[in-house]
C-alpha atoms as a PDB file:
ATOM      1  CA  MET A   1     218.328 137.042  65.468  1.00  0.00           C
ATOM      2  CA  ILE A   2     219.923 136.684  62.043  1.00  0.00           C
ATOM      3  CA  SER A   3     219.515 139.661  59.752  1.00  0.00           C
ATOM      4  CA  ARG A   4     219.843 139.443  56.003  1.00  0.00           C
ATOM      5  CA  VAL A   5     221.693 142.216  54.199  1.00  0.00           C
ATOM      6  CA  ILE A   6     220.978 142.742  50.502  1.00  0.00           C
ATOM      7  CA  CYS A   7     223.157 145.037  48.426  1.00  0.00           C
ATOM      8  CA  TYR A   8     221.342 146.852  45.661  1.00  0.00           C
ATOM      9  CA  ASN A   9     222.671 148.237  42.440  1.00  0.00           C
ATOM     10  CA  TRP A  10     221.671 151.842  42.803  1.00  0.00           C
ATOM     11  CA  ASP A  11     222.490 152.540  39.151  1.00  0.00           C
ATOM     12  CA  THR A  12     219.097 151.047  38.287  1.00  0.00           C
ATOM     13  CA  PHE A  13     217.228 153.814  40.126  1.00  0.00           C
ATOM     14  CA  PRO A  14     216.147 156.787  37.982  1.00  0.00           C
ATOM     15  CA  ASP A  15     217.810 160.145  38.370  1.00  0.00           C
ATOM     16  CA  THR A  16     215.282 162.320  40.216  1.00  0.00           C
ATOM     17  CA  GLN A  17     216.873 165.528  38.875  1.00  0.00           C
ATOM     18  CA  ALA A  18     216.424 164.418  35.269  1.00  0.00           C
ATOM     19  CA  GLY A  19     212.657 164.481  35.520  1.00  0.00           C
ATOM     20  CA  PRO A  20     209.938 161.883  36.030  1.00  0.00           C
ATOM     21  CA  ALA A  21     210.835 158.360  35.007  1.00  0.00           C
ATOM     22  CA  THR A  22     209.512 154.861  35.494  1.00  0.00           C
ATOM     23  CA  LEU A  23     210.699 153.406  38.774  1.00  0.00           C
ATOM     24  CA  GLN A  24     212.631 150.201  38.333  1.00  0.00           C
ATOM     25  CA  THR A  25     212.972 147.436  40.871  1.00  0.00           C
ATOM     26  CA  PRO A  26     216.504 147.411  42.311  1.00  0.00           C
ATOM     27  CA  ARG A  27     218.470 144.367  41.217  1.00  0.00           C
ATOM     28  CA  PRO A  28     220.509 142.574  43.902  1.00  0.00           C
ATOM     29  CA  LEU A  29     224.169 142.140  43.060  1.00  0.00           C
ATOM     30  CA  THR A  30     225.286 138.565  42.623  1.00  0.00           C
ATOM     31  CA  HIS A  31     228.210 136.992  44.484  1.00  0.00           C
ATOM     32  CA  ARG A  32     229.265 135.033  41.421  1.00  0.00           C
ATOM     33  CA  SER A  33     232.441 135.832  39.583  1.00  0.00           C
ATOM     34  CA  LYS A  34     230.421 135.895  36.342  1.00  0.00           C
ATOM     35  CA  PRO A  35     226.808 136.876  35.814  1.00  0.00           C
ATOM     36  CA  VAL A  36     224.257 134.145  35.423  1.00  0.00           C
ATOM     37  CA  SER A  37     223.695 135.015  31.766  1.00  0.00           C
ATOM     38  CA  THR A  38     226.588 136.581  29.919  1.00  0.00           C
ATOM     39  CA  PRO A  39     225.977 137.807  26.372  1.00  0.00           C
ATOM     40  CA  ASN A  40     228.440 136.449  23.848  1.00  0.00           C
ATOM     41  CA  ASP A  41     229.711 138.804  21.190  1.00  0.00           C
ATOM     42  CA  THR A  42     230.177 135.913  18.742  1.00  0.00           C
ATOM     43  CA  THR A  43     226.435 135.109  18.682  1.00  0.00           C
ATOM     44  CA  ASP A  44     224.382 136.936  16.062  1.00  0.00           C
ATOM     45  CA  ALA A  45     220.665 137.469  15.798  1.00  0.00           C
ATOM     46  CA  GLN A  46     220.132 134.278  13.765  1.00  0.00           C
ATOM     47  CA  GLY A  47     221.506 132.132  16.595  1.00  0.00           C
ATOM     48  CA  VAL A  48     224.821 131.423  14.883  1.00  0.00           C
ATOM     49  CA  LYS A  49     227.867 131.280  17.098  1.00  0.00           C
ATOM     50  CA  THR A  50     231.557 131.305  16.194  1.00  0.00           C
ATOM     51  CA  CYS A  51     233.750 128.716  17.859  1.00  0.00           C
ATOM     52  CA  SER A  52     236.686 130.275  19.668  1.00  0.00           C
ATOM     53  CA  LYS A  53     238.950 127.329  18.835  1.00  0.00           C
ATOM     54  CA  CYS A  54     238.266 126.276  15.255  1.00  0.00           C
ATOM     55  CA  GLY A  55     236.839 129.662  14.156  1.00  0.00           C
ATOM     56  CA  GLU A  56     233.847 128.172  12.338  1.00  0.00           C
ATOM     57  CA  ALA A  57     230.380 129.717  12.568  1.00  0.00           C
ATOM     58  CA  LYS A  58     227.865 127.099  13.727  1.00  0.00           C
ATOM     59  CA  ALA A  59     224.339 126.958  15.094  1.00  0.00           C
ATOM     60  CA  LEU A  60     223.814 127.146  18.849  1.00  0.00           C
ATOM     61  CA  GLY A  61     222.842 123.476  18.865  1.00  0.00           C
ATOM     62  CA  GLU A  62     226.454 122.634  18.022  1.00  0.00           C
ATOM     63  CA  PHE A  63     227.682 124.154  21.289  1.00  0.00           C
ATOM     64  CA  PRO A  64     227.472 122.432  24.686  1.00  0.00           C
ATOM     65  CA  TYR A  65     225.229 124.097  27.224  1.00  0.00           C
ATOM     66  CA  ARG A  66     226.598 124.500  30.712  1.00  0.00           C
ATOM     67  CA  ARG A  67     224.666 125.400  33.810  1.00  0.00           C
ATOM     68  CA  ASP A  68     226.045 125.497  37.337  1.00  0.00           C
ATOM     69  CA  LYS A  69     226.366 127.969  40.193  1.00  0.00           C
ATOM     70  CA  HIS A  70     229.054 129.973  38.388  1.00  0.00           C
ATOM     71  CA  TRP A  71     227.939 129.896  34.774  1.00  0.00           C
ATOM     72  CA  GLN A  72     224.849 129.458  32.663  1.00  0.00           C
ATOM     73  CA  GLY A  73     224.979 129.534  28.919  1.00  0.00           C
ATOM     74  CA  TYR A  74     226.622 128.078  25.827  1.00  0.00           C
ATOM     75  CA  ARG A  75     230.308 127.283  25.781  1.00  0.00           C
ATOM     76  CA  THR A  76     232.639 129.244  23.575  1.00  0.00           C
ATOM     77  CA  THR A  77     233.921 126.082  21.857  1.00  0.00           C
ATOM     78  CA  CYS A  78     231.787 123.779  19.716  1.00  0.00           C
ATOM     79  CA  GLU A  79     230.896 120.168  20.465  1.00  0.00           C
ATOM     80  CA  THR A  80     233.566 118.854  18.084  1.00  0.00           C
ATOM     81  CA  CYS A  81     236.379 120.767  19.754  1.00  0.00           C
ATOM     82  CA  ASN A  82     235.058 119.847  23.207  1.00  0.00           C
ATOM     83  CA  GLY A  83     234.849 116.186  22.157  1.00  0.00           C
ATOM     84  CA  HIS A  84     238.551 116.100  21.335  1.00  0.00           C
ATOM     85  CA  ARG A  85     239.351 117.635  24.702  1.00  0.00           C
ATOM     86  CA  ARG A  86     237.092 115.222  26.590  1.00  0.00           C
ATOM     87  CA  ARG A  87     238.596 112.206  24.831  1.00  0.00           C
ATOM     88  CA  ALA A  88     242.108 113.395  25.675  1.00  0.00           C
ATOM     89  CA  ARG A  89     241.070 113.932  29.279  1.00  0.00           C
ATOM     90  CA  ARG A  90     239.513 110.453  29.475  1.00  0.00           C
ATOM     91  CA  GLN A  91     242.800 108.991  28.242  1.00  0.00           C
ATOM     92  CA  ILE A  92     244.674 110.744  31.028  1.00  0.00           C
ATOM     93  CA  LEU A  93     242.157 109.854  33.749  1.00  0.00           C
ATOM     94  CA  SER A  94     241.950 106.216  32.671  1.00  0.00           C
ATOM     95  CA  GLY A  95     245.701 105.799  32.881  1.00  0.00           C
ATOM     96  CA  ASP A  96     246.371 105.789  29.138  1.00  0.00           C
ATOM     97  CA  ILE A  97     249.510 107.603  28.095  1.00  0.00           C
ATOM     98  CA  SER A  98     249.378 110.496  25.648  1.00  0.00           C
ATOM     99  CA  MET A  99     250.155 110.090  21.962  1.00  0.00           C
ATOM    100  CA  ARG A 100     253.521 111.779  22.362  1.00  0.00           C
ATOM    101  CA  ARG A 101     254.454 109.562  25.288  1.00  0.00           C
ATOM    102  CA  ALA A 102     253.217 106.468  23.453  1.00  0.00           C
ATOM    103  CA  ALA A 103     255.389 107.326  20.455  1.00  0.00           C
ATOM    104  CA  PHE A 104     258.390 107.766  22.733  1.00  0.00           C
ATOM    105  CA  LYS A 105     257.638 104.468  24.453  1.00  0.00           C
ATOM    106  CA  ARG A 106     257.750 102.661  21.107  1.00  0.00           C
ATOM    107  CA  LYS A 107     261.186 104.088  20.271  1.00  0.00           C
ATOM    108  CA  TRP A 108     262.700 104.242  23.748  1.00  0.00           C
ATOM    109  CA  PHE A 109     265.422 101.740  22.807  1.00  0.00           C
ATOM    110  CA  ASP A 110     266.714 103.957  19.996  1.00  0.00           C
ATOM    111  CA  HIS A 111     266.765 106.940  22.321  1.00  0.00           C
ATOM    112  CA  PHE A 112     268.439 104.795  24.967  1.00  0.00           C
ATOM    113  CA  ILE A 113     271.286 103.947  22.601  1.00  0.00           C
ATOM    114  CA  GLN A 114     271.648 107.420  21.075  1.00  0.00           C
ATOM    115  CA  SER A 115     271.644 109.273  24.403  1.00  0.00           C
ATOM    116  CA  GLY A 116     274.484 107.230  25.844  1.00  0.00           C
ATOM    117  CA  GLY A 117     272.299 105.068  28.057  1.00  0.00           C
ATOM    118  CA  VAL A 118     274.621 102.085  27.723  1.00  0.00           C
ATOM    119  CA  ALA A 119     277.588 103.933  29.200  1.00  0.00           C
ATOM    120  CA  ARG A 120     275.448 105.499  31.939  1.00  0.00           C
ATOM    121  CA  PHE A 121     274.026 102.135  32.936  1.00  0.00           C
ATOM    122  CA  LYS A 122     277.380 100.361  33.027  1.00  0.00           C
ATOM    123  CA  ALA A 123     278.794 103.171  35.149  1.00  0.00           C
ATOM    124  CA  ARG A 124     276.028 102.715  37.719  1.00  0.00           C
ATOM    125  CA  ILE A 125     276.108  98.962  38.260  1.00  0.00           C
ATOM    126  CA  VAL A 126     278.667  96.894  40.135  1.00  0.00           C
ATOM    127  CA  GLN A 127     279.413  93.771  38.118  1.00  0.00           C
ATOM    128  CA  GLY A 128     280.123  90.860  40.408  1.00  0.00           C
ATOM    129  CA  ASP A 129     280.326  87.136  39.917  1.00  0.00           C
ATOM    130  CA  PRO A 130     278.374  85.894  36.871  1.00  0.00           C
ATOM    131  CA  ASP A 131     276.353  83.499  39.024  1.00  0.00           C
ATOM    132  CA  GLU A 132     275.373  85.926  41.792  1.00  0.00           C
ATOM    133  CA  CYS A 133     272.777  88.702  41.726  1.00  0.00           C
ATOM    134  CA  TRP A 134     273.910  92.195  40.785  1.00  0.00           C
ATOM    135  CA  ILE A 135     271.871  94.479  43.025  1.00  0.00           C
ATOM    136  CA  TRP A 136     270.778  97.739  41.433  1.00  0.00           C
ATOM    137  CA  PRO A 137     272.346 100.652  43.381  1.00  0.00           C
ATOM    138  CA  GLY A 138     269.935 103.332  42.179  1.00  0.00           C
ATOM    139  CA  ALA A 139     266.338 104.241  42.902  1.00  0.00           C
ATOM    140  CA  TYR A 140     263.480 101.762  43.177  1.00  0.00           C
ATOM    141  CA  TRP A 141     259.788 101.664  42.471  1.00  0.00           C
ATOM    142  CA  ARG A 142     257.406 100.646  45.226  1.00  0.00           C
ATOM    143  CA  ASN A 143     257.061  97.185  43.723  1.00  0.00           C
ATOM    144  CA  GLY A 144     260.758  96.495  44.300  1.00  0.00           C
ATOM    145  CA  TYR A 145     262.068  96.920  40.756  1.00  0.00           C
ATOM    146  CA  GLY A 146     264.942  99.294  40.034  1.00  0.00           C
ATOM    147  CA  VAL A 147     264.342 102.496  38.043  1.00  0.00           C
ATOM    148  CA  PHE A 148     266.510 103.810  35.222  1.00  0.00           C
ATOM    149  CA  GLY A 149     265.825 107.099  33.441  1.00  0.00           C
ATOM    150  CA  VAL A 150     265.753 107.011  29.655  1.00  0.00           C
ATOM    151  CA  GLY A 151     264.356 110.393  28.680  1.00  0.00           C
ATOM    152  CA  LYS A 152     262.650 113.401  30.181  1.00  0.00           C
ATOM    153  CA  ASN A 153     259.929 112.174  32.548  1.00  0.00           C
ATOM    154  CA  PHE A 154     260.272 108.620  31.236  1.00  0.00           C
ATOM    155  CA  ASN A 155     261.678 105.731  33.265  1.00  0.00           C
ATOM    156  CA  ILE A 156     262.038 102.016  32.647  1.00  0.00           C
ATOM    157  CA  GLY A 157     262.867  99.113  34.896  1.00  0.00           C
ATOM    158  CA  ALA A 158     266.548  98.663  35.638  1.00  0.00           C
ATOM    159  CA  HIS A 159     266.276  95.002  34.681  1.00  0.00           C
ATOM    160  CA  ARG A 160     264.887  95.998  31.248  1.00  0.00           C
ATOM    161  CA  ALA A 161     267.752  98.441  30.811  1.00  0.00           C
ATOM    162  CA  SER A 162     270.207  95.677  31.723  1.00  0.00           C
ATOM    163  CA  TYR A 163     268.698  93.356  29.133  1.00  0.00           C
ATOM    164  CA  ALA A 164     268.850  96.118  26.527  1.00  0.00           C
ATOM    165  CA  VAL A 165     272.529  96.785  27.289  1.00  0.00           C
ATOM    166  CA  PHE A 166     273.771  93.204  27.242  1.00  0.00           C
ATOM    167  CA  HIS A 167     271.284  91.406  24.967  1.00  0.00           C
ATOM    168  CA  GLY A 168     269.404  93.917  22.834  1.00  0.00           C
ATOM    169  CA  ASP A 169     265.958  95.425  22.474  1.00  0.00           C
ATOM    170  CA  PRO A 170     263.377  93.420  24.478  1.00  0.00           C
ATOM    171  CA  GLY A 171     260.524  94.868  22.418  1.00  0.00           C
ATOM    172  CA  ASP A 172     257.068  94.300  23.874  1.00  0.00           C
ATOM    173  CA  LEU A 173     258.051  91.148  25.779  1.00  0.00           C
ATOM    174  CA  CYS A 174     258.508  90.897  29.533  1.00  0.00           C
ATOM    175  CA  VAL A 175     261.986  90.677  31.030  1.00  0.00           C
ATOM    176  CA  CYS A 176     261.701  87.930  33.651  1.00  0.00           C
ATOM    177  CA  HIS A 177     264.048  86.952  36.459  1.00  0.00           C
ATOM    178  CA  SER A 178     265.262  83.399  36.857  1.00  0.00           C
ATOM    179  CA  CYS A 179     266.575  84.285  40.332  1.00  0.00           C
ATOM    180  CA  ASP A 180     263.234  85.823  41.452  1.00  0.00           C
ATOM    181  CA  ASN A 181     265.110  88.869  42.779  1.00  0.00           C
ATOM    182  CA  ARG A 182     263.490  92.048  41.499  1.00  0.00           C
ATOM    183  CA  ALA A 183     266.532  94.161  42.381  1.00  0.00           C
ATOM    184  CA  CYS A 184     268.860  91.984  40.310  1.00  0.00           C
ATOM    185  CA  VAL A 185     270.247  93.357  37.021  1.00  0.00           C
ATOM    186  CA  ASN A 186     272.576  90.475  36.182  1.00  0.00           C
ATOM    187  CA  PRO A 187     271.951  89.762  32.465  1.00  0.00           C
ATOM    188  CA  ALA A 188     272.605  86.054  33.070  1.00  0.00           C
ATOM    189  CA  HIS A 189     269.497  85.955  35.299  1.00  0.00           C
ATOM    190  CA  LEU A 190     267.199  87.647  32.774  1.00  0.00           C
ATOM    191  CA  TRP A 191     265.118  86.027  30.072  1.00  0.00           C
ATOM    192  CA  LEU A 192     262.368  87.151  27.704  1.00  0.00           C
ATOM    193  CA  GLY A 193     258.801  85.879  27.809  1.00  0.00           C
ATOM    194  CA  THR A 194     255.210  86.852  27.359  1.00  0.00           C
ATOM    195  CA  VAL A 195     252.921  87.904  30.179  1.00  0.00           C
ATOM    196  CA  GLN A 196     251.525  84.363  30.282  1.00  0.00           C
ATOM    197  CA  ASP A 197     255.045  82.940  30.505  1.00  0.00           C
ATOM    198  CA  ASN A 198     255.760  85.238  33.427  1.00  0.00           C
ATOM    199  CA  HIS A 199     252.569  84.141  35.217  1.00  0.00           C
ATOM    200  CA  ASP A 200     253.259  80.471  34.581  1.00  0.00           C
ATOM    201  CA  ASP A 201     256.754  80.866  36.009  1.00  0.00           C
ATOM    202  CA  MET A 202     255.289  82.584  39.073  1.00  0.00           C
ATOM    203  CA  TRP A 203     252.805  79.764  39.716  1.00  0.00           C
ATOM    204  CA  ALA A 204     255.377  77.058  39.048  1.00  0.00           C
ATOM    205  CA  LYS A 205     257.723  78.507  41.655  1.00  0.00           C
ATOM    206  CA  GLY A 206     254.960  78.988  44.204  1.00  0.00           C
ATOM    207  CA  ARG A 207     255.363  82.752  44.360  1.00  0.00           C
ATOM    208  CA  ALA A 208     251.732  83.570  43.541  1.00  0.00           C
ATOM    209  CA  PRO A 209     249.850  85.416  46.290  1.00  0.00           C
ATOM    210  CA  ARG A 210     247.432  83.206  48.179  1.00  0.00           C
ATOM    211  CA  HIS A 211     244.455  84.974  49.673  1.00  0.00           C
ATOM    212  CA  GLY A 212     242.460  81.862  50.577  1.00  0.00           C
ATOM    213  CA  MET A 213     242.280  80.089  53.911  1.00  0.00           C
ATOM    214  CA  PHE A 214     242.626  76.560  52.475  1.00  0.00           C
ATOM    215  CA  SER A 215     245.531  74.809  50.826  1.00  0.00           C
ATOM    216  CA  ASP A 216     245.244  72.973  47.522  1.00  0.00           C
ATOM    217  CA  SER A 217     245.043  69.580  49.245  1.00  0.00           C
ATOM    218  CA  GLN A 218     242.215  70.792  51.492  1.00  0.00           C
ATOM    219  CA  VAL A 219     240.277  72.108  48.512  1.00  0.00           C
ATOM    220  CA  VAL A 220     240.643  68.757  46.740  1.00  0.00           C
ATOM    221  CA  GLU A 221     239.426  66.969  49.882  1.00  0.00           C
ATOM    222  CA  ILE A 222     236.348  69.206  50.125  1.00  0.00           C
ATOM    223  CA  ARG A 223     235.408  68.560  46.512  1.00  0.00           C
ATOM    224  CA  THR A 224     235.947  64.830  46.928  1.00  0.00           C
ATOM    225  CA  ARG A 225     233.657  64.715  49.954  1.00  0.00           C
ATOM    226  CA  PHE A 226     231.005  66.707  48.133  1.00  0.00           C
ATOM    227  CA  ALA A 227     231.248  64.450  45.064  1.00  0.00           C
ATOM    228  CA  ASN A 228     230.801  61.374  47.293  1.00  0.00           C
ATOM    229  CA  GLY A 229     227.433  62.657  48.460  1.00  0.00           C
ATOM    230  CA  GLU A 230     228.304  64.585  51.611  1.00  0.00           C
ATOM    231  CA  THR A 231     226.318  67.789  52.025  1.00  0.00           C
ATOM    232  CA  ALA A 232     227.818  71.251  52.125  1.00  0.00           C
ATOM    233  CA  ARG A 233     226.274  71.801  55.564  1.00  0.00           C
ATOM    234  CA  ALA A 234     228.152  68.801  57.015  1.00  0.00           C
ATOM    235  CA  ILE A 235     231.427  69.868  55.398  1.00  0.00           C
ATOM    236  CA  ALA A 236     230.999  73.400  56.685  1.00  0.00           C
ATOM    237  CA  ALA A 237     230.329  72.145  60.208  1.00  0.00           C
ATOM    238  CA  ASP A 238     233.602  70.187  60.213  1.00  0.00           C
ATOM    239  CA  LEU A 239     235.689  73.070  58.861  1.00  0.00           C
ATOM    240  CA  GLY A 240     234.046  75.892  60.799  1.00  0.00           C
ATOM    241  CA  ILE A 241     232.854  77.813  57.739  1.00  0.00           C
ATOM    242  CA  THR A 242     229.451  78.652  56.322  1.00  0.00           C
ATOM    243  CA  LYS A 243     227.633  76.208  54.091  1.00  0.00           C
ATOM    244  CA  THR A 244     227.676  78.816  51.300  1.00  0.00           C
ATOM    245  CA  HIS A 245     231.456  78.939  51.437  1.00  0.00           C
ATOM    246  CA  ALA A 246     231.716  75.152  51.425  1.00  0.00           C
ATOM    247  CA  TRP A 247     229.319  74.916  48.481  1.00  0.00           C
ATOM    248  CA  ALA A 248     231.314  77.553  46.540  1.00  0.00           C
ATOM    249  CA  ILE A 249     234.528  75.571  47.037  1.00  0.00           C
ATOM    250  CA  ALA A 250     232.891  72.274  46.092  1.00  0.00           C
ATOM    251  CA  THR A 251     231.341  73.682  42.907  1.00  0.00           C
ATOM    252  CA  LYS A 252     234.516  75.544  41.823  1.00  0.00           C
ATOM    253  CA  LYS A 253     233.051  78.988  42.235  1.00  0.00           C
ATOM    254  CA  VAL A 254     236.255  79.785  44.125  1.00  0.00           C
ATOM    255  CA  TYR A 255     239.696  78.177  43.951  1.00  0.00           C
ATOM    256  CA  ARG A 256     239.205  77.621  40.248  1.00  0.00           C
ATOM    257  CA  ARG A 257     242.918  77.126  39.660  1.00  0.00           C
ATOM    258  CA  VAL A 258     242.863  73.960  41.818  1.00  0.00           C
ATOM    259  CA  GLU A 259     241.947  70.905  39.788  1.00  0.00           C
END
């Protein structure tokens, strides 16, 4: 049998030696770290509350109301101050960098030059033949690119640092490899381009990831058979796929890059 133990606050009982008094119902103590309703000293009788952050006196409607198992009541900061905090938190959670980090990212090249990054980078690399790849001897990211530290808690790709040392500031453009070796920092193998230029170079060299089960020639054959009047069911029976898959290939719902 499970018994339930309730602790009572015996301070609510009247003192029997002080004379007759009205008996009050004992109030069970709560397990919460804070009481369910906590009076706020900054709230006056007119329902005006002072924000603990900006210090302005505002109506209770300007304060967010929170209710969970640990707290029930109005927050100590107003909606405006909470909005700034929520927006900053959304930036962090969504992967956006902070304003301070964004400002540093825009001027990383200046800091790279002023902090002696050129000498540090040249001391790390081993310069070989101009036509061969110079493999970065330092740390690497998981994607295979080398890492070079520029400032406190700020790193850039080693290939971008190499371009900055030997050619200049790459700006907002991508530093692409002509040798297709991500670990290479040879400035002769690096060139600037946009994101679209980098993607076009990837597709032209056949380095794009292929997740489909059919080659480009097979996709063209399927679409030709469908255009000549053959049904998707017949095509699917020959290839061992579903008719929905065959119809999606024939109508360019998938493999859109194949003309």
